[in-house]
Protein backbone atom coordinates (compact mmCIF):
# COMPACT_ATOMS: atom_id res chain seq x y z
CA UNK A 1 0.00 0.00 0.00
CA UNK A 2 1.41 3.39 -0.96
CA UNK A 3 1.47 6.34 1.40
CA UNK A 4 -1.74 8.34 1.56
CA UNK A 5 -1.31 11.70 3.30
CA UNK A 6 -4.02 12.73 5.77
CA UNK A 7 -6.76 15.10 4.72
CA UNK A 8 -6.37 18.73 5.76
CA UNK A 9 -8.70 18.54 8.78
CA UNK A 10 -7.01 15.44 10.14
CA UNK A 11 -3.55 16.95 9.51
CA UNK A 12 -4.50 20.08 11.48
CA UNK A 13 -5.84 17.94 14.35
CA UNK A 14 -2.65 15.86 14.36
CA UNK A 15 -0.57 19.06 14.44
CA UNK A 16 -2.52 20.45 17.41
CA UNK A 17 -2.27 17.13 19.27
CA UNK A 18 1.50 17.03 18.54
CA UNK A 19 1.93 20.46 20.13
CA UNK A 20 0.00 19.39 23.23
CA UNK A 21 1.87 16.10 23.58
CA UNK A 22 5.19 17.90 23.17
CA UNK A 23 4.25 20.42 25.84
CA UNK A 24 2.66 17.93 28.24
CA UNK A 25 5.84 16.63 29.91
CA UNK A 26 7.53 20.05 30.34
CA UNK A 27 4.38 21.69 31.69
CA UNK A 28 3.70 18.90 34.18
CA UNK A 29 7.31 18.91 35.42
CA UNK A 30 7.40 22.70 35.67
CA UNK A 31 4.11 22.74 37.60
CA UNK A 32 5.26 20.05 40.03
CA UNK A 33 8.74 21.43 40.66
CA UNK A 34 9.23 25.03 41.73
CA UNK A 35 13.00 25.63 41.57
CA UNK A 36 14.49 24.45 38.26
CA UNK A 37 17.86 25.51 36.88
CA UNK A 38 18.49 26.17 33.19
CA UNK A 39 20.20 22.82 32.53
CA UNK A 40 17.18 20.97 33.87
CA UNK A 41 14.88 22.97 31.58
CA UNK A 42 16.88 21.85 28.55
CA UNK A 43 16.60 18.21 29.61
CA UNK A 44 12.87 18.56 30.30
CA UNK A 45 12.28 20.13 26.88
CA UNK A 46 14.29 17.34 25.26
CA UNK A 47 12.06 14.69 26.83
CA UNK A 48 9.00 16.69 25.80
CA UNK A 49 10.21 16.72 22.20
CA UNK A 50 10.47 12.93 22.25
CA UNK A 51 6.66 12.82 22.44
CA UNK A 52 6.12 15.06 19.37
CA UNK A 53 5.92 12.25 16.76
CA UNK A 54 3.64 10.09 18.93
CA UNK A 55 0.30 11.26 17.40
CA UNK A 56 1.68 10.79 13.87
CA UNK A 57 2.85 7.28 14.72
CA UNK A 58 -0.56 6.46 16.22
CA UNK A 59 -2.32 7.83 13.11
CA UNK A 60 -0.06 5.80 10.83
CA UNK A 61 -0.72 2.61 12.82
CA UNK A 62 -4.48 3.26 12.90
CA UNK A 63 -4.69 3.83 9.14
CA UNK A 64 -2.25 0.95 8.48
CA UNK A 65 0.29 3.27 6.86
CA UNK A 66 3.95 2.33 6.73
CA UNK A 67 5.92 4.27 9.36
CA UNK A 68 8.94 4.10 7.07
CA UNK A 69 7.01 5.80 4.25
CA UNK A 70 5.24 8.22 6.60
CA UNK A 71 8.51 9.62 7.93
CA UNK A 72 10.32 9.09 4.60
CA UNK A 73 13.02 6.92 6.16
CA UNK A 74 15.00 5.99 3.08
CA UNK A 75 18.45 4.51 2.76
CA UNK A 76 21.31 6.99 2.47
CA UNK A 77 23.72 6.16 -0.32
CA UNK A 78 27.46 6.59 -0.14
CA UNK A 79 27.30 9.36 -2.75
CA UNK A 80 24.86 11.30 -0.58
CA UNK A 81 27.15 10.97 2.44
CA UNK A 82 30.17 12.10 0.43
CA UNK A 83 28.27 15.16 -0.82
CA UNK A 84 26.76 16.00 2.58
CA UNK A 85 30.09 16.09 4.42
CA UNK A 86 31.69 19.10 2.62
CA UNK A 87 28.36 20.91 2.49
CA UNK A 88 27.93 20.56 6.25
CA UNK A 89 31.48 21.77 6.88
CA UNK A 90 30.82 24.87 4.78
CA UNK A 91 27.56 25.46 6.60
CA UNK A 92 29.30 25.21 9.98
CA UNK A 93 31.88 27.81 8.93
CA UNK A 94 29.22 30.22 7.66
CA UNK A 95 27.07 29.84 10.79
CA UNK A 96 30.10 30.34 13.04
CA UNK A 97 30.97 33.57 11.24
CA UNK A 98 27.36 34.78 11.46
CA UNK A 99 27.33 33.99 15.18
CA UNK A 100 30.50 35.99 15.70
CA UNK A 101 29.16 38.85 13.60
CA UNK A 102 25.88 39.15 15.48
CA UNK A 103 27.39 38.61 18.94
CA UNK A 104 29.84 41.48 18.44
CA UNK A 105 29.07 44.23 20.98
CA UNK A 106 27.78 47.30 19.19
CA UNK A 107 29.24 49.97 21.45
CA UNK A 108 28.98 52.61 18.74
CA UNK A 109 25.20 52.16 18.64
CA UNK A 110 24.81 52.81 22.38
CA UNK A 111 26.59 56.18 22.37
C-alpha atoms as a PDB file:
ATOM      1  CA  UNK A   1       0.000   0.000   0.000  1.00  0.00           C
ATOM      2  CA  UNK A   2       1.414   3.385  -0.956  1.00  0.00           C
ATOM      3  CA  UNK A   3       1.472   6.336   1.398  1.00  0.00           C
ATOM      4  CA  UNK A   4      -1.745   8.337   1.560  1.00  0.00           C
ATOM      5  CA  UNK A   5      -1.312  11.700   3.299  1.00  0.00           C
ATOM      6  CA  UNK A   6      -4.021  12.728   5.766  1.00  0.00           C
ATOM      7  CA  UNK A   7      -6.763  15.095   4.721  1.00  0.00           C
ATOM      8  CA  UNK A   8      -6.370  18.730   5.762  1.00  0.00           C
ATOM      9  CA  UNK A   9      -8.703  18.538   8.777  1.00  0.00           C
ATOM     10  CA  UNK A  10      -7.008  15.443  10.137  1.00  0.00           C
ATOM     11  CA  UNK A  11      -3.553  16.953   9.513  1.00  0.00           C
ATOM     12  CA  UNK A  12      -4.500  20.083  11.482  1.00  0.00           C
ATOM     13  CA  UNK A  13      -5.839  17.945  14.351  1.00  0.00           C
ATOM     14  CA  UNK A  14      -2.653  15.864  14.364  1.00  0.00           C
ATOM     15  CA  UNK A  15      -0.571  19.058  14.438  1.00  0.00           C
ATOM     16  CA  UNK A  16      -2.517  20.449  17.407  1.00  0.00           C
ATOM     17  CA  UNK A  17      -2.266  17.133  19.268  1.00  0.00           C
ATOM     18  CA  UNK A  18       1.499  17.033  18.537  1.00  0.00           C
ATOM     19  CA  UNK A  19       1.926  20.459  20.126  1.00  0.00           C
ATOM     20  CA  UNK A  20       0.000  19.390  23.227  1.00  0.00           C
ATOM     21  CA  UNK A  21       1.873  16.096  23.583  1.00  0.00           C
ATOM     22  CA  UNK A  22       5.191  17.896  23.174  1.00  0.00           C
ATOM     23  CA  UNK A  23       4.251  20.419  25.843  1.00  0.00           C
ATOM     24  CA  UNK A  24       2.663  17.933  28.237  1.00  0.00           C
ATOM     25  CA  UNK A  25       5.843  16.630  29.913  1.00  0.00           C
ATOM     26  CA  UNK A  26       7.534  20.054  30.335  1.00  0.00           C
ATOM     27  CA  UNK A  27       4.378  21.691  31.685  1.00  0.00           C
ATOM     28  CA  UNK A  28       3.700  18.897  34.179  1.00  0.00           C
ATOM     29  CA  UNK A  29       7.307  18.911  35.423  1.00  0.00           C
ATOM     30  CA  UNK A  30       7.399  22.705  35.667  1.00  0.00           C
ATOM     31  CA  UNK A  31       4.115  22.741  37.598  1.00  0.00           C
ATOM     32  CA  UNK A  32       5.263  20.053  40.028  1.00  0.00           C
ATOM     33  CA  UNK A  33       8.740  21.429  40.658  1.00  0.00           C
ATOM     34  CA  UNK A  34       9.227  25.031  41.735  1.00  0.00           C
ATOM     35  CA  UNK A  35      13.002  25.626  41.567  1.00  0.00           C
ATOM     36  CA  UNK A  36      14.489  24.453  38.265  1.00  0.00           C
ATOM     37  CA  UNK A  37      17.862  25.507  36.880  1.00  0.00           C
ATOM     38  CA  UNK A  38      18.491  26.174  33.189  1.00  0.00           C
ATOM     39  CA  UNK A  39      20.202  22.816  32.534  1.00  0.00           C
ATOM     40  CA  UNK A  40      17.178  20.968  33.869  1.00  0.00           C
ATOM     41  CA  UNK A  41      14.879  22.969  31.584  1.00  0.00           C
ATOM     42  CA  UNK A  42      16.880  21.855  28.546  1.00  0.00           C
ATOM     43  CA  UNK A  43      16.596  18.209  29.615  1.00  0.00           C
ATOM     44  CA  UNK A  44      12.870  18.555  30.302  1.00  0.00           C
ATOM     45  CA  UNK A  45      12.278  20.127  26.883  1.00  0.00           C
ATOM     46  CA  UNK A  46      14.290  17.337  25.260  1.00  0.00           C
ATOM     47  CA  UNK A  47      12.062  14.693  26.826  1.00  0.00           C
ATOM     48  CA  UNK A  48       8.997  16.694  25.795  1.00  0.00           C
ATOM     49  CA  UNK A  49      10.212  16.718  22.198  1.00  0.00           C
ATOM     50  CA  UNK A  50      10.469  12.926  22.255  1.00  0.00           C
ATOM     51  CA  UNK A  51       6.659  12.823  22.442  1.00  0.00           C
ATOM     52  CA  UNK A  52       6.120  15.056  19.373  1.00  0.00           C
ATOM     53  CA  UNK A  53       5.918  12.248  16.764  1.00  0.00           C
ATOM     54  CA  UNK A  54       3.645  10.089  18.933  1.00  0.00           C
ATOM     55  CA  UNK A  55       0.300  11.264  17.398  1.00  0.00           C
ATOM     56  CA  UNK A  56       1.679  10.795  13.873  1.00  0.00           C
ATOM     57  CA  UNK A  57       2.847   7.283  14.721  1.00  0.00           C
ATOM     58  CA  UNK A  58      -0.556   6.461  16.222  1.00  0.00           C
ATOM     59  CA  UNK A  59      -2.319   7.832  13.114  1.00  0.00           C
ATOM     60  CA  UNK A  60      -0.060   5.797  10.835  1.00  0.00           C
ATOM     61  CA  UNK A  61      -0.722   2.613  12.817  1.00  0.00           C
ATOM     62  CA  UNK A  62      -4.484   3.259  12.899  1.00  0.00           C
ATOM     63  CA  UNK A  63      -4.687   3.826   9.141  1.00  0.00           C
ATOM     64  CA  UNK A  64      -2.248   0.946   8.481  1.00  0.00           C
ATOM     65  CA  UNK A  65       0.294   3.272   6.857  1.00  0.00           C
ATOM     66  CA  UNK A  66       3.947   2.331   6.735  1.00  0.00           C
ATOM     67  CA  UNK A  67       5.918   4.270   9.356  1.00  0.00           C
ATOM     68  CA  UNK A  68       8.938   4.099   7.066  1.00  0.00           C
ATOM     69  CA  UNK A  69       7.011   5.803   4.248  1.00  0.00           C
ATOM     70  CA  UNK A  70       5.238   8.218   6.602  1.00  0.00           C
ATOM     71  CA  UNK A  71       8.513   9.616   7.935  1.00  0.00           C
ATOM     72  CA  UNK A  72      10.324   9.086   4.604  1.00  0.00           C
ATOM     73  CA  UNK A  73      13.015   6.917   6.159  1.00  0.00           C
ATOM     74  CA  UNK A  74      14.998   5.990   3.075  1.00  0.00           C
ATOM     75  CA  UNK A  75      18.455   4.506   2.763  1.00  0.00           C
ATOM     76  CA  UNK A  76      21.307   6.987   2.474  1.00  0.00           C
ATOM     77  CA  UNK A  77      23.716   6.160  -0.323  1.00  0.00           C
ATOM     78  CA  UNK A  78      27.462   6.586  -0.139  1.00  0.00           C
ATOM     79  CA  UNK A  79      27.297   9.360  -2.754  1.00  0.00           C
ATOM     80  CA  UNK A  80      24.864  11.302  -0.578  1.00  0.00           C
ATOM     81  CA  UNK A  81      27.154  10.968   2.438  1.00  0.00           C
ATOM     82  CA  UNK A  82      30.173  12.097   0.428  1.00  0.00           C
ATOM     83  CA  UNK A  83      28.275  15.160  -0.820  1.00  0.00           C
ATOM     84  CA  UNK A  84      26.760  16.000   2.578  1.00  0.00           C
ATOM     85  CA  UNK A  85      30.086  16.095   4.418  1.00  0.00           C
ATOM     86  CA  UNK A  86      31.691  19.100   2.617  1.00  0.00           C
ATOM     87  CA  UNK A  87      28.360  20.911   2.488  1.00  0.00           C
ATOM     88  CA  UNK A  88      27.931  20.561   6.248  1.00  0.00           C
ATOM     89  CA  UNK A  89      31.478  21.770   6.879  1.00  0.00           C
ATOM     90  CA  UNK A  90      30.819  24.867   4.776  1.00  0.00           C
ATOM     91  CA  UNK A  91      27.560  25.458   6.601  1.00  0.00           C
ATOM     92  CA  UNK A  92      29.296  25.209   9.985  1.00  0.00           C
ATOM     93  CA  UNK A  93      31.880  27.808   8.933  1.00  0.00           C
ATOM     94  CA  UNK A  94      29.218  30.216   7.656  1.00  0.00           C
ATOM     95  CA  UNK A  95      27.074  29.837  10.787  1.00  0.00           C
ATOM     96  CA  UNK A  96      30.100  30.342  13.043  1.00  0.00           C
ATOM     97  CA  UNK A  97      30.966  33.570  11.236  1.00  0.00           C
ATOM     98  CA  UNK A  98      27.365  34.780  11.463  1.00  0.00           C
ATOM     99  CA  UNK A  99      27.333  33.989  15.183  1.00  0.00           C
ATOM    100  CA  UNK A 100      30.504  35.995  15.696  1.00  0.00           C
ATOM    101  CA  UNK A 101      29.161  38.852  13.597  1.00  0.00           C
ATOM    102  CA  UNK A 102      25.878  39.151  15.484  1.00  0.00           C
ATOM    103  CA  UNK A 103      27.386  38.606  18.935  1.00  0.00           C
ATOM    104  CA  UNK A 104      29.838  41.479  18.438  1.00  0.00           C
ATOM    105  CA  UNK A 105      29.073  44.227  20.977  1.00  0.00           C
ATOM    106  CA  UNK A 106      27.781  47.302  19.192  1.00  0.00           C
ATOM    107  CA  UNK A 107      29.236  49.969  21.451  1.00  0.00           C
ATOM    108  CA  UNK A 108      28.983  52.607  18.743  1.00  0.00           C
ATOM    109  CA  UNK A 109      25.196  52.156  18.638  1.00  0.00           C
ATOM    110  CA  UNK A 110      24.809  52.814  22.378  1.00  0.00           C
ATOM    111  CA  UNK A 111      26.589  56.177  22.366  1.00  0.00           C
END
